[in-house]
């Protein structure tokens, strides 16, 4: 009896999806729970697993086509065990791969439709630039103390919690403390009102399989260093596999974006509305700095805070970054607050 491949629910507010890449083609064998096709929304990509072991027999929707939640997009035959795939069906029945489109100049171009996530990213960036008054303030921080603490504590931390002590957890902790000091950056404009949130849901920008995603650490003020590190590692792993949930990408009050892992020295991140601020982290580089009247070499990082000037003044932005700097340069304060 044919087994239906059905578009799953991917979020309460999402009724329509776009079919992404078929990971299995017609005639191919598949194990139960093995990913069959990528389902795209404007917020997240998810993989549809095979409901049983068997063979893909028919594809009803091709890559790029729309479908509704609950629609049948293909069929498969269940089998008790893996078997050799039948002979390939004619090429016309396979899902077409994007092909280079020739141009008059004789040089090739490849035209691929934007995914829903990429479209949504573009829309949000334009929305952010057009609706908010963005300004960016910079500072730099000496990472010596954090590097020394991580080196000294790494073995014990990893043995106790089963995960490495990274850098991001320090900045999550420091951001929460700075947001408590400057609540405007954790607030949002809602109509003619300013809403001050007394909870701290920190979004962590992560490069996913289909583009940048920002899963959220809920109530980060209550999380330990180990809990933060484990959550970020889990987000990163599932982002690469397109297995993040929609509700994990919604509702953040502040965002941290670490361009330093890609080698960025300095940048101006864009606020994700309706949030009022985003902290940009950058590469750590040894640089000469003045310390007690002497020039010394220190591992330095530039920090960038982009904020909505409608709700946050420059004074508050400077206070925020100064507090981040003080906590990172004396990280024992963060363990005391934890």
Protein backbone atom coordinates (compact mmCIF):
# COMPACT_ATOMS: atom_id res chain seq x y z
CA UNK A 1 0.00 0.00 0.00
CA UNK A 2 1.45 3.42 -0.95
CA UNK A 3 2.73 5.54 1.93
CA UNK A 4 2.07 9.28 1.69
CA UNK A 5 4.74 11.93 2.13
CA UNK A 6 2.88 14.77 3.83
CA UNK A 7 3.95 18.37 4.49
CA UNK A 8 4.24 18.62 8.29
CA UNK A 9 3.21 21.53 10.49
CA UNK A 10 6.26 23.79 10.87
CA UNK A 11 4.74 26.55 13.00
CA UNK A 12 1.38 27.83 14.18
CA UNK A 13 1.31 30.78 11.78
CA UNK A 14 2.67 28.95 8.72
CA UNK A 15 0.22 27.41 6.28
CA UNK A 16 2.21 27.47 3.05
CA UNK A 17 5.72 26.17 2.35
CA UNK A 18 8.05 25.82 -0.61
CA UNK A 19 9.53 22.52 -1.69
CA UNK A 20 13.31 22.67 -1.40
CA UNK A 21 15.81 20.06 -2.54
CA UNK A 22 14.62 16.48 -2.90
CA UNK A 23 17.27 14.44 -1.10
CA UNK A 24 15.88 11.23 -2.56
CA UNK A 25 14.70 10.85 -6.12
CA UNK A 26 12.00 8.66 -7.64
CA UNK A 27 13.08 5.02 -7.60
CA UNK A 28 15.59 5.40 -4.77
CA UNK A 29 15.52 3.38 -1.57
CA UNK A 30 15.26 5.08 1.79
CA UNK A 31 15.44 4.02 5.44
CA UNK A 32 12.87 5.00 8.02
CA UNK A 33 13.59 8.50 9.44
CA UNK A 34 16.11 9.20 6.67
CA UNK A 35 15.61 12.74 5.27
CA UNK A 36 13.70 12.73 1.98
CA UNK A 37 13.07 16.39 1.09
CA UNK A 38 13.77 19.86 2.47
CA UNK A 39 10.72 21.95 3.33
CA UNK A 40 11.37 25.71 3.11
CA UNK A 41 9.54 28.51 4.94
CA UNK A 42 10.38 32.17 5.31
CA UNK A 43 11.83 31.44 8.75
CA UNK A 44 13.35 27.98 8.71
CA UNK A 45 14.20 24.95 6.61
CA UNK A 46 13.24 21.50 7.89
CA UNK A 47 13.88 18.04 6.54
CA UNK A 48 10.95 15.66 6.07
CA UNK A 49 11.98 12.17 7.23
CA UNK A 50 10.74 8.98 5.59
CA UNK A 51 7.84 7.55 7.66
CA UNK A 52 9.00 4.00 6.89
CA UNK A 53 11.68 2.00 5.08
CA UNK A 54 10.94 1.61 1.39
CA UNK A 55 11.28 3.10 -2.07
CA UNK A 56 10.26 6.52 -3.39
CA UNK A 57 7.68 5.83 -6.08
CA UNK A 58 6.28 9.22 -7.07
CA UNK A 59 7.04 12.91 -6.59
CA UNK A 60 4.00 15.19 -6.83
CA UNK A 61 5.81 18.48 -6.17
CA UNK A 62 9.08 19.68 -7.62
CA UNK A 63 11.74 21.93 -6.14
CA UNK A 64 10.49 25.52 -5.96
CA UNK A 65 6.78 24.66 -6.04
CA UNK A 66 4.40 25.74 -3.28
CA UNK A 67 2.48 23.39 -1.02
CA UNK A 68 0.23 23.70 1.99
CA UNK A 69 0.63 22.07 5.36
CA UNK A 70 -1.03 18.66 5.13
CA UNK A 71 -0.56 18.31 1.36
CA UNK A 72 0.67 15.01 -0.05
CA UNK A 73 3.84 15.76 -2.02
CA UNK A 74 4.91 12.25 -2.89
CA UNK A 75 4.48 8.53 -2.35
CA UNK A 76 6.67 5.62 -1.36
CA UNK A 77 6.23 1.87 -1.09
CA UNK A 78 7.03 0.32 2.27
CA UNK A 79 9.40 -2.65 2.29
CA UNK A 80 10.62 -4.74 5.23
CA UNK A 81 14.24 -4.14 4.28
CA UNK A 82 16.35 -2.19 1.86
CA UNK A 83 16.29 -3.52 -1.66
CA UNK A 84 18.03 -2.67 -4.85
CA UNK A 85 16.56 0.40 -6.49
CA UNK A 86 14.69 -0.21 -9.76
CA UNK A 87 15.99 1.06 -13.04
CA UNK A 88 16.00 4.85 -13.28
CA UNK A 89 12.86 6.46 -14.65
CA UNK A 90 13.13 8.69 -17.71
CA UNK A 91 14.97 11.95 -17.07
CA UNK A 92 11.83 14.00 -17.69
CA UNK A 93 10.27 12.50 -14.52
CA UNK A 94 13.20 13.39 -12.22
CA UNK A 95 13.29 16.65 -10.30
CA UNK A 96 15.21 19.06 -12.56
CA UNK A 97 18.42 20.54 -11.15
CA UNK A 98 19.09 24.23 -11.77
CA UNK A 99 21.03 24.52 -15.01
CA UNK A 100 23.30 27.33 -16.19
CA UNK A 101 21.42 29.75 -18.44
CA UNK A 102 23.47 30.82 -21.49
CA UNK A 103 23.67 34.53 -22.27
CA UNK A 104 24.33 36.37 -25.48
CA UNK A 105 27.94 37.17 -24.54
CA UNK A 106 28.80 33.49 -24.61
CA UNK A 107 29.59 33.44 -20.87
CA UNK A 108 27.50 31.27 -18.58
CA UNK A 109 25.33 32.36 -15.69
CA UNK A 110 23.43 30.26 -13.20
CA UNK A 111 19.97 31.46 -12.26
CA UNK A 112 18.53 29.99 -9.07
CA UNK A 113 15.34 31.29 -7.43
CA UNK A 114 15.80 32.81 -3.97
CA UNK A 115 14.76 30.50 -1.17
CA UNK A 116 11.98 31.67 1.17
CA UNK A 117 14.55 32.16 3.94
CA UNK A 118 16.78 34.32 1.73
CA UNK A 119 13.75 36.34 0.58
CA UNK A 120 12.71 36.88 4.19
CA UNK A 121 16.24 37.91 5.18
CA UNK A 122 16.23 40.47 2.36
CA UNK A 123 12.82 41.78 3.39
CA UNK A 124 13.81 42.08 7.03
CA UNK A 125 17.05 43.89 6.24
CA UNK A 126 15.25 46.42 4.04
CA UNK A 127 12.53 46.81 6.67
CA UNK A 128 15.14 47.43 9.35
CA UNK A 129 16.93 50.09 7.29
CA UNK A 130 13.70 51.85 6.31
CA UNK A 131 11.82 51.87 9.60
CA UNK A 132 14.48 52.42 12.29
CA UNK A 133 17.10 55.10 12.92
CA UNK A 134 20.22 52.98 13.13
CA UNK A 135 23.47 54.13 14.64
CA UNK A 136 26.59 52.09 15.52
CA UNK A 137 28.96 52.67 18.43
CA UNK A 138 32.33 50.93 18.75
CA UNK A 139 34.72 49.91 21.48
CA UNK A 140 37.55 47.43 21.88
CA UNK A 141 38.18 44.85 24.56
CA UNK A 142 41.31 43.14 25.84
CA UNK A 143 40.62 39.39 25.71
CA UNK A 144 43.66 38.41 27.81
CA UNK A 145 41.71 37.60 30.98
CA UNK A 146 39.09 35.51 29.19
CA UNK A 147 41.75 33.60 27.25
CA UNK A 148 43.70 32.92 30.43
CA UNK A 149 40.57 31.84 32.33
CA UNK A 150 39.49 29.51 29.53
CA UNK A 151 42.95 27.98 29.31
CA UNK A 152 43.10 27.44 33.07
CA UNK A 153 39.55 26.07 33.41
CA UNK A 154 39.05 24.25 30.12
CA UNK A 155 40.00 20.74 31.20
CA UNK A 156 37.91 20.86 34.38
CA UNK A 157 34.96 22.49 32.63
CA UNK A 158 34.94 19.99 29.77
CA UNK A 159 35.32 17.04 32.14
CA UNK A 160 32.44 18.24 34.30
CA UNK A 161 29.99 19.37 31.62
CA UNK A 162 31.03 17.45 28.51
CA UNK A 163 31.51 20.56 26.39
CA UNK A 164 34.20 23.17 25.82
CA UNK A 165 34.04 26.59 27.42
CA UNK A 166 33.78 28.93 24.45
CA UNK A 167 33.79 32.70 24.04
CA UNK A 168 30.14 33.29 23.26
CA UNK A 169 28.89 32.36 26.73
CA UNK A 170 31.01 35.17 28.21
CA UNK A 171 29.41 37.70 25.90
CA UNK A 172 25.91 36.33 26.54
CA UNK A 173 26.47 36.75 30.28
CA UNK A 174 28.02 40.20 29.84
CA UNK A 175 25.19 41.28 27.54
CA UNK A 176 22.53 40.28 30.06
CA UNK A 177 24.24 42.33 32.76
CA UNK A 178 24.64 45.31 30.41
CA UNK A 179 20.98 45.06 29.34
CA UNK A 180 19.96 45.21 32.98
CA UNK A 181 21.98 48.43 33.26
CA UNK A 182 20.60 49.88 30.01
CA UNK A 183 17.02 48.52 29.68
CA UNK A 184 16.29 50.61 26.58
CA UNK A 185 18.41 48.24 24.49
CA UNK A 186 16.27 45.31 25.65
CA UNK A 187 13.05 47.19 24.85
CA UNK A 188 11.01 47.62 21.68
CA UNK A 189 8.75 50.25 20.16
CA UNK A 190 5.21 48.93 19.87
CA UNK A 191 2.97 51.47 18.18
CA UNK A 192 3.25 54.64 20.26
CA UNK A 193 4.52 52.74 23.33
CA UNK A 194 7.90 51.56 24.53
CA UNK A 195 7.80 48.01 25.92
CA UNK A 196 10.52 47.23 28.46
CA UNK A 197 11.16 43.49 28.74
CA UNK A 198 12.33 42.22 32.12
CA UNK A 199 13.48 38.94 30.60
CA UNK A 200 16.46 38.40 28.34
CA UNK A 201 15.96 36.23 25.26
CA UNK A 202 19.29 36.44 23.46
CA UNK A 203 19.45 35.57 19.77
CA UNK A 204 22.68 33.98 18.54
CA UNK A 205 23.39 34.46 14.83
CA UNK A 206 24.50 31.15 13.29
CA UNK A 207 25.38 30.24 9.73
CA UNK A 208 22.93 27.51 8.72
CA UNK A 209 22.65 25.23 5.73
CA UNK A 210 20.37 27.71 3.96
CA UNK A 211 21.74 31.00 5.30
CA UNK A 212 22.01 32.96 8.51
CA UNK A 213 19.59 31.97 11.26
CA UNK A 214 19.17 33.42 14.76
CA UNK A 215 17.94 30.86 17.30
CA UNK A 216 17.08 32.28 20.70
CA UNK A 217 18.36 31.46 24.18
CA UNK A 218 15.20 31.84 26.29
CA UNK A 219 15.67 33.51 29.68
CA UNK A 220 19.43 33.63 29.24
CA UNK A 221 19.64 35.39 32.61
CA UNK A 222 18.87 32.05 34.26
CA UNK A 223 21.33 29.97 32.24
CA UNK A 224 24.75 28.80 33.41
CA UNK A 225 27.87 28.95 31.24
CA UNK A 226 27.53 25.23 30.52
CA UNK A 227 23.85 25.52 29.60
CA UNK A 228 24.62 28.37 27.21
CA UNK A 229 27.48 26.48 25.55
CA UNK A 230 25.40 23.32 25.17
CA UNK A 231 22.45 25.22 23.72
CA UNK A 232 24.62 27.06 21.18
CA UNK A 233 26.35 23.83 20.11
CA UNK A 234 22.96 22.18 19.66
CA UNK A 235 21.66 25.13 17.64
CA UNK A 236 24.73 25.10 15.39
CA UNK A 237 24.47 21.37 14.76
CA UNK A 238 20.77 21.46 13.94
CA UNK A 239 21.13 24.63 11.83
CA UNK A 240 23.53 22.78 9.52
CA UNK A 241 21.03 19.92 9.26
CA UNK A 242 18.03 22.26 8.72
CA UNK A 243 16.38 20.92 11.85
CA UNK A 244 15.74 24.09 13.85
CA UNK A 245 12.14 24.70 14.88
CA UNK A 246 10.28 27.87 13.95
CA UNK A 247 9.55 28.81 17.55
CA UNK A 248 13.29 28.65 18.31
CA UNK A 249 13.84 31.52 15.86
CA UNK A 250 11.17 33.86 17.18
CA UNK A 251 10.85 36.38 19.97
CA UNK A 252 14.42 37.41 20.78
CA UNK A 253 14.95 40.66 22.69
CA UNK A 254 18.61 41.21 21.71
CA UNK A 255 21.04 39.59 19.26
CA UNK A 256 24.74 38.71 19.28
CA UNK A 257 26.47 38.19 15.93
CA UNK A 258 30.04 36.90 15.85
CA UNK A 259 31.60 37.75 12.52
CA UNK A 260 35.00 37.07 14.04
CA UNK A 261 34.66 33.33 13.41
CA UNK A 262 34.82 34.18 9.69
CA UNK A 263 37.76 36.56 10.16
CA UNK A 264 35.85 39.87 10.23
CA UNK A 265 37.89 42.66 11.79
CA UNK A 266 35.11 45.27 11.98
CA UNK A 267 31.53 45.55 10.77
CA UNK A 268 28.23 47.31 11.48
CA UNK A 269 25.53 44.69 12.13
CA UNK A 270 21.89 45.45 11.37
CA UNK A 271 19.23 45.35 14.08
CA UNK A 272 16.61 42.63 13.72
CA UNK A 273 13.26 44.42 14.24
CA UNK A 274 11.43 44.84 16.55
CA UNK A 275 14.60 44.50 18.63
CA UNK A 276 16.49 47.68 19.48
CA UNK A 277 20.07 46.44 19.47
CA UNK A 278 22.59 43.94 18.14
CA UNK A 279 26.13 43.31 19.37
CA UNK A 280 28.74 42.51 16.74
CA UNK A 281 31.83 40.53 17.79
CA UNK A 282 34.96 40.40 15.67
CA UNK A 283 38.25 38.58 15.25
CA UNK A 284 40.74 38.57 18.10
CA UNK A 285 44.08 39.97 16.94
CA UNK A 286 47.31 40.82 18.74
CA UNK A 287 47.66 44.60 18.64
CA UNK A 288 49.88 47.16 20.37
CA UNK A 289 48.06 49.06 23.11
CA UNK A 290 49.11 51.56 25.77
CA UNK A 291 49.05 50.10 29.29
CA UNK A 292 50.37 51.97 32.33
CA UNK A 293 52.53 54.18 30.15
CA UNK A 294 54.01 51.32 28.13
CA UNK A 295 53.21 49.88 24.71
CA UNK A 296 52.32 46.19 25.07
CA UNK A 297 50.86 43.53 22.80
CA UNK A 298 47.42 42.28 23.76
CA UNK A 299 44.76 40.07 22.08
CA UNK A 300 42.19 42.70 21.19
CA UNK A 301 38.66 42.47 19.81
CA UNK A 302 36.56 45.27 18.33
CA UNK A 303 32.96 45.43 19.52
CA UNK A 304 30.14 47.08 17.57
CA UNK A 305 26.72 47.93 18.98
CA UNK A 306 24.11 48.90 16.41
CA UNK A 307 21.00 50.33 18.03
CA UNK A 308 17.70 51.99 17.21
CA UNK A 309 18.30 55.68 17.91
CA UNK A 310 14.55 56.25 18.31
CA UNK A 311 14.69 54.53 21.68
CA UNK A 312 18.41 54.38 22.59
CA UNK A 313 20.58 57.48 22.94
CA UNK A 314 24.31 57.55 22.30
CA UNK A 315 25.01 57.86 26.02
CA UNK A 316 23.20 54.59 26.73
CA UNK A 317 24.99 52.85 23.86
CA UNK A 318 28.39 53.91 25.20
CA UNK A 319 27.42 52.79 28.72
CA UNK A 320 26.35 49.41 27.36
CA UNK A 321 29.61 48.73 25.54
CA UNK A 322 31.68 50.05 28.44
CA UNK A 323 29.95 47.58 30.76
CA UNK A 324 30.56 44.73 28.30
CA UNK A 325 34.24 45.71 28.14
CA UNK A 326 34.58 45.82 31.94
CA UNK A 327 32.97 42.40 32.41
CA UNK A 328 35.04 40.74 29.69
CA UNK A 329 38.28 42.25 30.97
CA UNK A 330 37.39 41.07 34.49
CA UNK A 331 35.40 37.88 33.77
CA UNK A 332 35.26 36.74 37.40
CA UNK A 333 32.43 39.29 37.74
CA UNK A 334 30.35 37.19 35.38
CA UNK A 335 30.74 34.06 37.46
CA UNK A 336 29.69 36.01 40.52
CA UNK A 337 26.53 37.21 38.73
CA UNK A 338 25.82 33.64 37.59
